[in-house]
């Protein structure tokens, strides 16, 4: 049996960095050493979770992934860029892969494939638990949650 320990939302969202899409330019400076890490990122505004995503593969780092969301050219017309632009500045928090591995019990995480699966499991658990506003709802493909502050 695999058990996933979901971190408290307020603990994760307290470690944050503010980002903007201004002029299509985006700098990794506030990410500090985390820019080269792999794991899960959370976009939020005023402690309200907007989107949960993961870095995928060996070469996709936190910094590269965020650039693909916050630079118009790198976003290639994806809907998340427009949503983030309308709600900026947006805060981002990050859970590094080594913390994710500690929070998943009952699975031996030793190969690269299992490491990727652990990140996917935690991403899915956070989406189900925190219900981000920009995330498609389970069973309602491509429908955004309609709530106050998400227009």
Protein backbone atom coordinates (compact mmCIF):
# COMPACT_ATOMS: atom_id res chain seq x y z
CA UNK A 1 0.00 0.00 0.00
CA UNK A 2 1.26 3.47 -0.87
CA UNK A 3 0.59 6.35 1.53
CA UNK A 4 0.98 9.99 0.55
CA UNK A 5 1.46 12.63 3.23
CA UNK A 6 0.06 15.88 1.82
CA UNK A 7 1.80 18.96 3.24
CA UNK A 8 -0.30 21.65 4.91
CA UNK A 9 -1.27 24.25 2.35
CA UNK A 10 -0.25 27.21 4.51
CA UNK A 11 3.22 25.71 5.06
CA UNK A 12 3.83 25.28 1.33
CA UNK A 13 2.38 28.64 0.30
CA UNK A 14 4.46 30.58 2.84
CA UNK A 15 7.68 29.86 0.92
CA UNK A 16 6.94 31.95 -2.12
CA UNK A 17 8.22 34.07 -4.98
CA UNK A 18 6.24 36.73 -6.92
CA UNK A 19 6.16 36.45 -10.74
CA UNK A 20 4.86 38.54 -13.65
CA UNK A 21 4.55 38.21 -17.41
CA UNK A 22 5.54 41.89 -17.88
CA UNK A 23 6.84 42.55 -21.38
CA UNK A 24 7.26 38.84 -22.01
CA UNK A 25 10.41 38.86 -19.87
CA UNK A 26 10.83 36.73 -16.81
CA UNK A 27 13.81 36.37 -14.49
CA UNK A 28 14.64 33.39 -12.29
CA UNK A 29 16.29 35.52 -9.58
CA UNK A 30 13.73 34.94 -6.84
CA UNK A 31 13.95 31.16 -7.32
CA UNK A 32 17.55 31.18 -6.07
CA UNK A 33 18.94 27.65 -5.87
CA UNK A 34 15.54 26.08 -6.61
CA UNK A 35 15.65 27.06 -10.30
CA UNK A 36 17.59 23.86 -11.15
CA UNK A 37 15.36 21.56 -9.03
CA UNK A 38 12.64 19.12 -10.06
CA UNK A 39 9.33 18.73 -8.24
CA UNK A 40 5.93 20.40 -7.98
CA UNK A 41 5.10 24.08 -8.29
CA UNK A 42 1.99 25.83 -7.05
CA UNK A 43 0.68 29.14 -8.44
CA UNK A 44 -1.38 31.05 -5.93
CA UNK A 45 -2.68 34.49 -5.07
CA UNK A 46 -3.41 35.56 -1.51
CA UNK A 47 -3.14 31.93 -0.33
CA UNK A 48 -5.75 30.85 -2.91
CA UNK A 49 -4.35 27.99 -5.05
CA UNK A 50 -4.68 28.69 -8.78
CA UNK A 51 -2.70 25.88 -10.43
CA UNK A 52 -0.56 22.87 -9.47
CA UNK A 53 2.01 21.57 -11.95
CA UNK A 54 5.11 19.38 -12.09
CA UNK A 55 8.49 19.51 -13.71
CA UNK A 56 8.70 16.54 -16.04
CA UNK A 57 11.68 14.57 -17.21
CA UNK A 58 15.35 14.91 -16.37
CA UNK A 59 15.92 18.19 -18.19
CA UNK A 60 12.73 20.04 -17.19
CA UNK A 61 13.66 22.12 -14.14
CA UNK A 62 11.59 24.53 -12.04
CA UNK A 63 13.13 27.55 -13.79
CA UNK A 64 12.56 26.19 -17.30
CA UNK A 65 8.99 25.15 -16.49
CA UNK A 66 8.09 28.58 -15.09
CA UNK A 67 9.62 30.30 -18.12
CA UNK A 68 7.26 28.23 -20.28
CA UNK A 69 4.33 29.58 -18.29
CA UNK A 70 5.40 33.22 -17.90
CA UNK A 71 6.96 34.10 -21.25
CA UNK A 72 4.41 34.53 -24.02
CA UNK A 73 6.66 33.08 -26.74
CA UNK A 74 7.65 30.07 -24.60
CA UNK A 75 3.99 29.50 -23.58
CA UNK A 76 3.07 28.97 -27.26
CA UNK A 77 -0.52 30.14 -26.82
CA UNK A 78 -1.40 27.83 -23.93
CA UNK A 79 -4.38 29.00 -21.87
CA UNK A 80 -2.47 29.07 -18.58
CA UNK A 81 -0.36 32.05 -19.77
CA UNK A 82 -3.49 34.15 -20.35
CA UNK A 83 -4.94 33.14 -16.99
CA UNK A 84 -1.73 34.02 -15.16
CA UNK A 85 -1.42 37.34 -16.99
CA UNK A 86 -4.93 38.37 -15.92
CA UNK A 87 -4.18 37.58 -12.27
CA UNK A 88 -0.63 38.89 -11.90
CA UNK A 89 1.37 39.29 -9.90
CA UNK A 90 1.09 35.60 -9.09
CA UNK A 91 2.96 33.89 -6.27
CA UNK A 92 4.68 30.57 -6.84
CA UNK A 93 5.75 27.99 -4.27
CA UNK A 94 7.73 24.82 -4.88
CA UNK A 95 8.01 21.35 -3.36
CA UNK A 96 11.35 19.78 -4.36
CA UNK A 97 11.54 16.13 -5.37
CA UNK A 98 13.52 15.05 -2.28
CA UNK A 99 10.66 16.26 -0.03
CA UNK A 100 8.13 14.46 -2.24
CA UNK A 101 10.06 11.18 -1.90
CA UNK A 102 10.00 11.54 1.90
CA UNK A 103 6.22 12.05 1.86
CA UNK A 104 5.43 8.89 -0.12
CA UNK A 105 5.57 5.73 1.97
CA UNK A 106 5.26 2.15 0.85
CA UNK A 107 7.05 2.62 -2.48
CA UNK A 108 10.74 2.04 -3.02
CA UNK A 109 11.92 5.05 -4.95
CA UNK A 110 15.24 4.16 -6.48
CA UNK A 111 15.01 4.36 -10.26
CA UNK A 112 14.42 7.44 -12.41
CA UNK A 113 11.04 6.10 -13.55
CA UNK A 114 9.83 5.67 -9.96
CA UNK A 115 11.07 9.17 -9.11
CA UNK A 116 8.96 10.58 -11.97
CA UNK A 117 5.96 8.53 -10.79
CA UNK A 118 6.34 9.86 -7.22
CA UNK A 119 6.17 13.43 -8.53
CA UNK A 120 3.06 12.57 -10.59
CA UNK A 121 1.40 10.95 -7.55
CA UNK A 122 2.01 14.00 -5.36
CA UNK A 123 0.81 16.37 -8.09
CA UNK A 124 -2.45 14.40 -8.43
CA UNK A 125 -2.91 14.27 -4.64
CA UNK A 126 -2.44 18.05 -4.32
CA UNK A 127 -4.85 18.77 -7.18
CA UNK A 128 -7.53 16.54 -5.62
CA UNK A 129 -6.93 17.95 -2.14
CA UNK A 130 -6.52 21.66 -2.90
CA UNK A 131 -8.84 21.97 -5.98
CA UNK A 132 -6.91 24.72 -7.86
CA UNK A 133 -9.07 27.26 -9.68
CA UNK A 134 -7.25 27.05 -13.03
CA UNK A 135 -7.06 23.26 -13.06
CA UNK A 136 -9.59 21.32 -15.13
CA UNK A 137 -11.99 19.55 -12.77
CA UNK A 138 -11.91 15.78 -12.54
CA UNK A 139 -14.62 14.46 -14.86
CA UNK A 140 -15.20 17.90 -16.42
CA UNK A 141 -12.47 18.22 -19.02
CA UNK A 142 -11.27 21.77 -19.76
CA UNK A 143 -13.82 23.44 -17.49
CA UNK A 144 -12.44 26.01 -15.05
CA UNK A 145 -13.91 26.47 -11.61
CA UNK A 146 -16.09 29.54 -11.51
CA UNK A 147 -15.57 31.19 -8.15
CA UNK A 148 -15.16 34.65 -6.72
CA UNK A 149 -11.84 36.17 -7.73
CA UNK A 150 -11.38 33.88 -10.75
CA UNK A 151 -12.76 35.79 -13.67
